[in-house]
PDB file of all heavy atoms in Angstrom:
ATOM      1  N   ARG A   1      -7.926  16.976   1.576  1.00  0.00           N
ATOM      2  CA  ARG A   1      -7.217  15.793   1.210  1.00  0.00           C
ATOM      3  C   ARG A   1      -7.343  15.407  -0.174  1.00  0.00           C
ATOM      4  O   ARG A   1      -8.392  15.627  -0.843  1.00  0.00           O
ATOM      5  CB  ARG A   1      -7.772  14.619   2.048  1.00  0.00           C
ATOM      6  CG  ARG A   1      -7.052  13.265   1.743  1.00  0.00           C
ATOM      7  CD  ARG A   1      -7.833  12.130   2.340  1.00  0.00           C
ATOM      8  NE  ARG A   1      -7.611  12.034   3.720  1.00  0.00           N
ATOM      9  CZ  ARG A   1      -6.627  11.466   4.422  1.00  0.00           C
ATOM     10  NH1 ARG A   1      -5.707  10.974   3.663  1.00  0.00           N
ATOM     11  NH2 ARG A   1      -6.623  11.453   5.673  1.00  0.00           N
ATOM     12  N   LEU A   2      -6.155  15.127  -0.870  1.00  0.00           N
ATOM     13  CA  LEU A   2      -6.139  14.560  -2.211  1.00  0.00           C
ATOM     14  C   LEU A   2      -6.656  13.158  -2.112  1.00  0.00           C
ATOM     15  O   LEU A   2      -6.004  12.244  -1.417  1.00  0.00           O
ATOM     16  CB  LEU A   2      -4.902  14.591  -2.900  1.00  0.00           C
ATOM     17  CG  LEU A   2      -4.777  14.192  -4.263  1.00  0.00           C
ATOM     18  CD1 LEU A   2      -5.595  15.132  -5.131  1.00  0.00           C
ATOM     19  CD2 LEU A   2      -3.316  14.133  -4.874  1.00  0.00           C
ATOM     20  N   ILE A   3      -7.771  12.732  -2.631  1.00  0.00           N
ATOM     21  CA  ILE A   3      -8.183  11.421  -2.503  1.00  0.00           C
ATOM     22  C   ILE A   3      -7.416  10.410  -3.254  1.00  0.00           C
ATOM     23  O   ILE A   3      -7.098  10.553  -4.316  1.00  0.00           O
ATOM     24  CB  ILE A   3      -9.776  11.327  -3.053  1.00  0.00           C
ATOM     25  CG1 ILE A   3     -10.680  12.344  -2.176  1.00  0.00           C
ATOM     26  CG2 ILE A   3     -10.242   9.949  -2.929  1.00  0.00           C
ATOM     27  CD1 ILE A   3     -11.911  12.623  -2.851  1.00  0.00           C
ATOM     28  N   SER A   4      -7.215   9.236  -2.656  1.00  0.00           N
ATOM     29  CA  SER A   4      -6.386   8.204  -3.252  1.00  0.00           C
ATOM     30  C   SER A   4      -7.190   7.231  -4.069  1.00  0.00           C
ATOM     31  O   SER A   4      -8.132   6.677  -3.475  1.00  0.00           O
ATOM     32  CB  SER A   4      -5.613   7.514  -2.050  1.00  0.00           C
ATOM     33  OG  SER A   4      -4.777   8.285  -1.399  1.00  0.00           O
ATOM     34  N   GLY A   5      -6.785   6.858  -5.212  1.00  0.00           N
ATOM     35  CA  GLY A   5      -7.520   5.895  -6.030  1.00  0.00           C
ATOM     36  C   GLY A   5      -6.535   4.737  -6.453  1.00  0.00           C
ATOM     37  O   GLY A   5      -6.908   3.978  -7.330  1.00  0.00           O
ATOM     38  N   GLY A   6      -5.296   4.672  -5.875  1.00  0.00           N
ATOM     39  CA  GLY A   6      -4.348   3.710  -6.219  1.00  0.00           C
ATOM     40  C   GLY A   6      -4.509   2.350  -5.470  1.00  0.00           C
ATOM     41  O   GLY A   6      -5.525   2.084  -4.906  1.00  0.00           O
ATOM     42  N   ARG A   7      -3.413   1.692  -5.424  1.00  0.00           N
ATOM     43  CA  ARG A   7      -3.365   0.316  -4.849  1.00  0.00           C
ATOM     44  C   ARG A   7      -2.114   0.134  -3.971  1.00  0.00           C
ATOM     45  O   ARG A   7      -1.255   0.884  -4.065  1.00  0.00           O
ATOM     46  CB  ARG A   7      -3.448  -0.811  -5.984  1.00  0.00           C
ATOM     47  CG  ARG A   7      -4.638  -0.742  -6.839  1.00  0.00           C
ATOM     48  CD  ARG A   7      -4.525  -1.771  -7.916  1.00  0.00           C
ATOM     49  NE  ARG A   7      -3.271  -1.716  -8.648  1.00  0.00           N
ATOM     50  CZ  ARG A   7      -2.916  -2.534  -9.678  1.00  0.00           C
ATOM     51  NH1 ARG A   7      -3.801  -3.663 -10.041  1.00  0.00           N
ATOM     52  NH2 ARG A   7      -1.845  -2.573 -10.278  1.00  0.00           N
ATOM     53  N   VAL A   8      -2.130  -0.936  -3.224  1.00  0.00           N
ATOM     54  CA  VAL A   8      -0.895  -1.559  -2.624  1.00  0.00           C
ATOM     55  C   VAL A   8      -0.652  -2.862  -3.206  1.00  0.00           C
ATOM     56  O   VAL A   8      -1.590  -3.775  -3.393  1.00  0.00           O
ATOM     57  CB  VAL A   8      -0.996  -1.691  -1.042  1.00  0.00           C
ATOM     58  CG1 VAL A   8       0.133  -2.587  -0.532  1.00  0.00           C
ATOM     59  CG2 VAL A   8      -1.039  -0.344  -0.436  1.00  0.00           C
ATOM     60  N   ILE A   9       0.602  -3.223  -3.707  1.00  0.00           N
ATOM     61  CA  ILE A   9       0.956  -4.441  -4.241  1.00  0.00           C
ATOM     62  C   ILE A   9       2.092  -5.061  -3.353  1.00  0.00           C
ATOM     63  O   ILE A   9       3.168  -4.445  -3.236  1.00  0.00           O
ATOM     64  CB  ILE A   9       1.398  -4.350  -5.688  1.00  0.00           C
ATOM     65  CG1 ILE A   9       0.212  -3.768  -6.594  1.00  0.00           C
ATOM     66  CG2 ILE A   9       1.865  -5.704  -6.207  1.00  0.00           C
ATOM     67  CD1 ILE A   9       0.595  -3.552  -7.903  1.00  0.00           C
ATOM     68  N   LEU A  10       1.851  -6.253  -2.821  1.00  0.00           N
ATOM     69  CA  LEU A  10       2.927  -7.042  -2.167  1.00  0.00           C
ATOM     70  C   LEU A  10       3.350  -8.242  -3.138  1.00  0.00           C
ATOM     71  O   LEU A  10       2.336  -8.999  -3.343  1.00  0.00           O
ATOM     72  CB  LEU A  10       2.464  -7.561  -0.786  1.00  0.00           C
ATOM     73  CG  LEU A  10       1.918  -6.465   0.232  1.00  0.00           C
ATOM     74  CD1 LEU A  10       1.563  -7.286   1.557  1.00  0.00           C
ATOM     75  CD2 LEU A  10       2.923  -5.394   0.311  1.00  0.00           C
ATOM     76  N   GLU A  11       4.553  -8.384  -3.502  1.00  0.00           N
ATOM     77  CA  GLU A  11       4.885  -9.494  -4.295  1.00  0.00           C
ATOM     78  C   GLU A  11       5.211 -10.739  -3.442  1.00  0.00           C
ATOM     79  O   GLU A  11       5.068 -10.734  -2.276  1.00  0.00           O
ATOM     80  CB  GLU A  11       6.148  -9.125  -5.246  1.00  0.00           C
ATOM     81  CG  GLU A  11       5.819  -7.947  -6.226  1.00  0.00           C
ATOM     82  CD  GLU A  11       6.946  -7.659  -7.158  1.00  0.00           C
ATOM     83  OE1 GLU A  11       8.004  -8.214  -6.982  1.00  0.00           O
ATOM     84  OE2 GLU A  11       6.792  -6.883  -8.055  1.00  0.00           O
ATOM     85  N   ASP A  12       5.573 -11.838  -4.148  1.00  0.00           N
ATOM     86  CA  ASP A  12       5.675 -13.048  -3.453  1.00  0.00           C
ATOM     87  C   ASP A  12       6.809 -12.955  -2.241  1.00  0.00           C
ATOM     88  O   ASP A  12       7.836 -12.261  -2.362  1.00  0.00           O
ATOM     89  CB  ASP A  12       6.337 -14.099  -4.449  1.00  0.00           C
ATOM     90  CG  ASP A  12       5.182 -14.452  -5.455  1.00  0.00           C
ATOM     91  OD1 ASP A  12       4.057 -13.987  -5.405  1.00  0.00           O
ATOM     92  OD2 ASP A  12       5.668 -15.096  -6.473  1.00  0.00           O
ATOM     93  N   ALA A  13       6.568 -13.722  -1.204  1.00  0.00           N
ATOM     94  CA  ALA A  13       7.428 -13.951  -0.030  1.00  0.00           C
ATOM     95  C   ALA A  13       7.852 -12.732   0.681  1.00  0.00           C
ATOM     96  O   ALA A  13       8.781 -12.634   1.326  1.00  0.00           O
ATOM     97  CB  ALA A  13       8.710 -14.627  -0.623  1.00  0.00           C
ATOM     98  N   VAL A  14       6.862 -11.691   0.548  1.00  0.00           N
ATOM     99  CA  VAL A  14       7.027 -10.505   1.465  1.00  0.00           C
ATOM    100  C   VAL A  14       6.498 -10.880   2.769  1.00  0.00           C
ATOM    101  O   VAL A  14       5.513 -11.612   3.011  1.00  0.00           O
ATOM    102  CB  VAL A  14       6.312  -9.358   0.745  1.00  0.00           C
ATOM    103  CG1 VAL A  14       5.981  -8.225   1.731  1.00  0.00           C
ATOM    104  CG2 VAL A  14       6.880  -8.838  -0.381  1.00  0.00           C
ATOM    105  N   GLU A  15       7.092 -10.350   3.814  1.00  0.00           N
ATOM    106  CA  GLU A  15       6.533 -10.464   5.271  1.00  0.00           C
ATOM    107  C   GLU A  15       6.448  -9.074   5.791  1.00  0.00           C
ATOM    108  O   GLU A  15       7.353  -8.284   5.779  1.00  0.00           O
ATOM    109  CB  GLU A  15       7.526 -11.298   6.120  1.00  0.00           C
ATOM    110  CG  GLU A  15       7.540 -12.723   5.568  1.00  0.00           C
ATOM    111  CD  GLU A  15       8.424 -13.668   6.478  1.00  0.00           C
ATOM    112  OE1 GLU A  15       8.759 -13.196   7.534  1.00  0.00           O
ATOM    113  OE2 GLU A  15       8.781 -14.781   5.949  1.00  0.00           O
ATOM    114  N   ILE A  16       5.329  -8.776   6.429  1.00  0.00           N
ATOM    115  CA  ILE A  16       4.993  -7.531   7.096  1.00  0.00           C
ATOM    116  C   ILE A  16       4.859  -7.799   8.534  1.00  0.00           C
ATOM    117  O   ILE A  16       3.884  -8.612   8.894  1.00  0.00           O
ATOM    118  CB  ILE A  16       3.768  -6.884   6.353  1.00  0.00           C
ATOM    119  CG1 ILE A  16       3.929  -6.854   4.806  1.00  0.00           C
ATOM    120  CG2 ILE A  16       3.547  -5.507   6.989  1.00  0.00           C
ATOM    121  CD1 ILE A  16       5.018  -5.893   4.352  1.00  0.00           C
ATOM    122  N   GLY A  17       5.356  -7.018   9.352  1.00  0.00           N
ATOM    123  CA  GLY A  17       5.196  -7.165  10.823  1.00  0.00           C
ATOM    124  C   GLY A  17       3.882  -6.652  11.322  1.00  0.00           C
ATOM    125  O   GLY A  17       3.129  -6.185  10.620  1.00  0.00           O
ATOM    126  N   ALA A  18       3.839  -6.593  12.638  1.00  0.00           N
ATOM    127  CA  ALA A  18       2.535  -6.052  13.371  1.00  0.00           C
ATOM    128  C   ALA A  18       2.516  -4.649  13.253  1.00  0.00           C
ATOM    129  O   ALA A  18       3.532  -3.930  13.440  1.00  0.00           O
ATOM    130  CB  ALA A  18       2.512  -6.657  14.716  1.00  0.00           C
ATOM    131  N   LEU A  19       1.304  -4.084  13.222  1.00  0.00           N
ATOM    132  CA  LEU A  19       1.041  -2.662  13.383  1.00  0.00           C
ATOM    133  C   LEU A  19       1.775  -1.823  12.349  1.00  0.00           C
ATOM    134  O   LEU A  19       2.095  -0.708  12.614  1.00  0.00           O
ATOM    135  CB  LEU A  19       1.371  -2.173  14.792  1.00  0.00           C
ATOM    136  CG  LEU A  19       0.604  -2.993  15.929  1.00  0.00           C
ATOM    137  CD1 LEU A  19       1.064  -2.422  17.287  1.00  0.00           C
ATOM    138  CD2 LEU A  19      -0.927  -2.588  15.737  1.00  0.00           C
ATOM    139  N   CYS A  20       1.894  -2.348  11.140  1.00  0.00           N
ATOM    140  CA  CYS A  20       2.547  -1.548  10.026  1.00  0.00           C
ATOM    141  C   CYS A  20       1.367  -0.862   9.267  1.00  0.00           C
ATOM    142  O   CYS A  20       0.182  -1.295   9.236  1.00  0.00           O
ATOM    143  CB  CYS A  20       3.222  -2.476   9.136  1.00  0.00           C
ATOM    144  SG  CYS A  20       4.784  -3.123   9.817  1.00  0.00           S
ATOM    145  N   THR A  21       1.740   0.212   8.675  1.00  0.00           N
ATOM    146  CA  THR A  21       0.742   0.895   7.869  1.00  0.00           C
ATOM    147  C   THR A  21       1.334   1.181   6.458  1.00  0.00           C
ATOM    148  O   THR A  21       2.381   1.801   6.365  1.00  0.00           O
ATOM    149  CB  THR A  21       0.276   2.285   8.436  1.00  0.00           C
ATOM    150  OG1 THR A  21       1.401   3.059   8.846  1.00  0.00           O
ATOM    151  CG2 THR A  21      -0.517   2.056   9.698  1.00  0.00           C
ATOM    152  N   ILE A  22       0.630   0.821   5.470  1.00  0.00           N
ATOM    153  CA  ILE A  22       1.135   0.991   4.136  1.00  0.00           C
ATOM    154  C   ILE A  22       0.100   1.692   3.235  1.00  0.00           C
ATOM    155  O   ILE A  22      -1.037   1.198   2.872  1.00  0.00           O
ATOM    156  CB  ILE A  22       1.481  -0.460   3.353  1.00  0.00           C
ATOM    157  CG1 ILE A  22       2.549  -1.114   4.329  1.00  0.00           C
ATOM    158  CG2 ILE A  22       1.994  -0.244   1.959  1.00  0.00           C
ATOM    159  CD1 ILE A  22       2.832  -2.462   3.897  1.00  0.00           C
ATOM    160  N   ASP A  23       0.438   2.995   2.818  1.00  0.00           N
ATOM    161  CA  ASP A  23      -0.560   3.774   2.183  1.00  0.00           C
ATOM    162  C   ASP A  23      -0.703   3.366   0.627  1.00  0.00           C
ATOM    163  O   ASP A  23       0.397   2.995   0.011  1.00  0.00           O
ATOM    164  CB  ASP A  23      -0.313   5.195   2.237  1.00  0.00           C
ATOM    165  CG  ASP A  23      -0.449   5.809   3.615  1.00  0.00           C
ATOM    166  OD1 ASP A  23      -1.064   5.206   4.410  1.00  0.00           O
ATOM    167  OD2 ASP A  23       0.196   6.909   3.829  1.00  0.00           O
ATOM    168  N   LYS A  24      -1.876   3.355   0.165  1.00  0.00           N
ATOM    169  CA  LYS A  24      -1.972   3.056  -1.270  1.00  0.00           C
ATOM    170  C   LYS A  24      -1.501   4.215  -2.060  1.00  0.00           C
ATOM    171  O   LYS A  24      -1.305   5.363  -1.581  1.00  0.00           O
ATOM    172  CB  LYS A  24      -3.417   2.784  -1.590  1.00  0.00           C
ATOM    173  CG  LYS A  24      -4.407   3.882  -1.287  1.00  0.00           C
ATOM    174  CD  LYS A  24      -5.852   3.294  -1.543  1.00  0.00           C
ATOM    175  CE  LYS A  24      -6.828   4.419  -1.122  1.00  0.00           C
ATOM    176  NZ  LYS A  24      -8.225   3.854  -1.259  1.00  0.00           N
ATOM    177  N   GLY A  25      -1.266   4.114  -3.459  1.00  0.00           N
ATOM    178  CA  GLY A  25      -0.855   5.097  -4.314  1.00  0.00           C
ATOM    179  C   GLY A  25      -2.070   6.150  -4.452  1.00  0.00           C
ATOM    180  O   GLY A  25      -3.172   5.695  -4.378  1.00  0.00           O
ATOM    181  N   VAL A  26      -1.618   7.394  -4.769  1.00  0.00           N
ATOM    182  CA  VAL A  26      -2.774   8.363  -5.069  1.00  0.00           C
ATOM    183  C   VAL A  26      -3.443   8.071  -6.253  1.00  0.00           C
ATOM    184  O   VAL A  26      -4.668   7.978  -6.315  1.00  0.00           O
ATOM    185  CB  VAL A  26      -2.110   9.735  -5.127  1.00  0.00           C
ATOM    186  CG1 VAL A  26      -3.072  10.662  -5.690  1.00  0.00           C
ATOM    187  CG2 VAL A  26      -1.569  10.266  -3.837  1.00  0.00           C
ATOM    188  N   THR A  27      -2.738   7.672  -7.371  1.00  0.00           N
ATOM    189  CA  THR A  27      -3.418   7.184  -8.569  1.00  0.00           C
ATOM    190  C   THR A  27      -2.581   5.917  -9.095  1.00  0.00           C
ATOM    191  O   THR A  27      -3.154   5.116  -9.900  1.00  0.00           O
ATOM    192  CB  THR A  27      -3.337   8.206  -9.682  1.00  0.00           C
ATOM    193  OG1 THR A  27      -1.916   8.645  -9.848  1.00  0.00           O
ATOM    194  CG2 THR A  27      -4.179   9.433  -9.450  1.00  0.00           C
ATOM    195  N   GLY A  28      -1.350   5.672  -8.552  1.00  0.00           N
ATOM    196  CA  GLY A  28      -0.671   4.548  -8.948  1.00  0.00           C
ATOM    197  C   GLY A  28      -0.587   3.476  -7.911  1.00  0.00           C
ATOM    198  O   GLY A  28      -1.502   3.263  -7.138  1.00  0.00           O
ATOM    199  N   ASP A  29       0.630   2.850  -7.759  1.00  0.00           N
ATOM    200  CA  ASP A  29       0.685   1.658  -6.789  1.00  0.00           C
ATOM    201  C   ASP A  29       1.852   1.953  -5.755  1.00  0.00           C
ATOM    202  O   ASP A  29       2.908   2.378  -6.187  1.00  0.00           O
ATOM    203  CB  ASP A  29       1.041   0.376  -7.568  1.00  0.00           C
ATOM    204  CG  ASP A  29      -0.069  -0.060  -8.436  1.00  0.00           C
ATOM    205  OD1 ASP A  29      -1.158   0.215  -8.234  1.00  0.00           O
ATOM    206  OD2 ASP A  29       0.293  -0.571  -9.620  1.00  0.00           O
TER     207      ASP A  29
END
């Protein structure tokens, strides 16, 4: 595996449903 060192960014008024998966960036966002 290439190890991930990035982030997840959700901006204002975003809505995420149930059982979603959002991977972080490898080095970015």
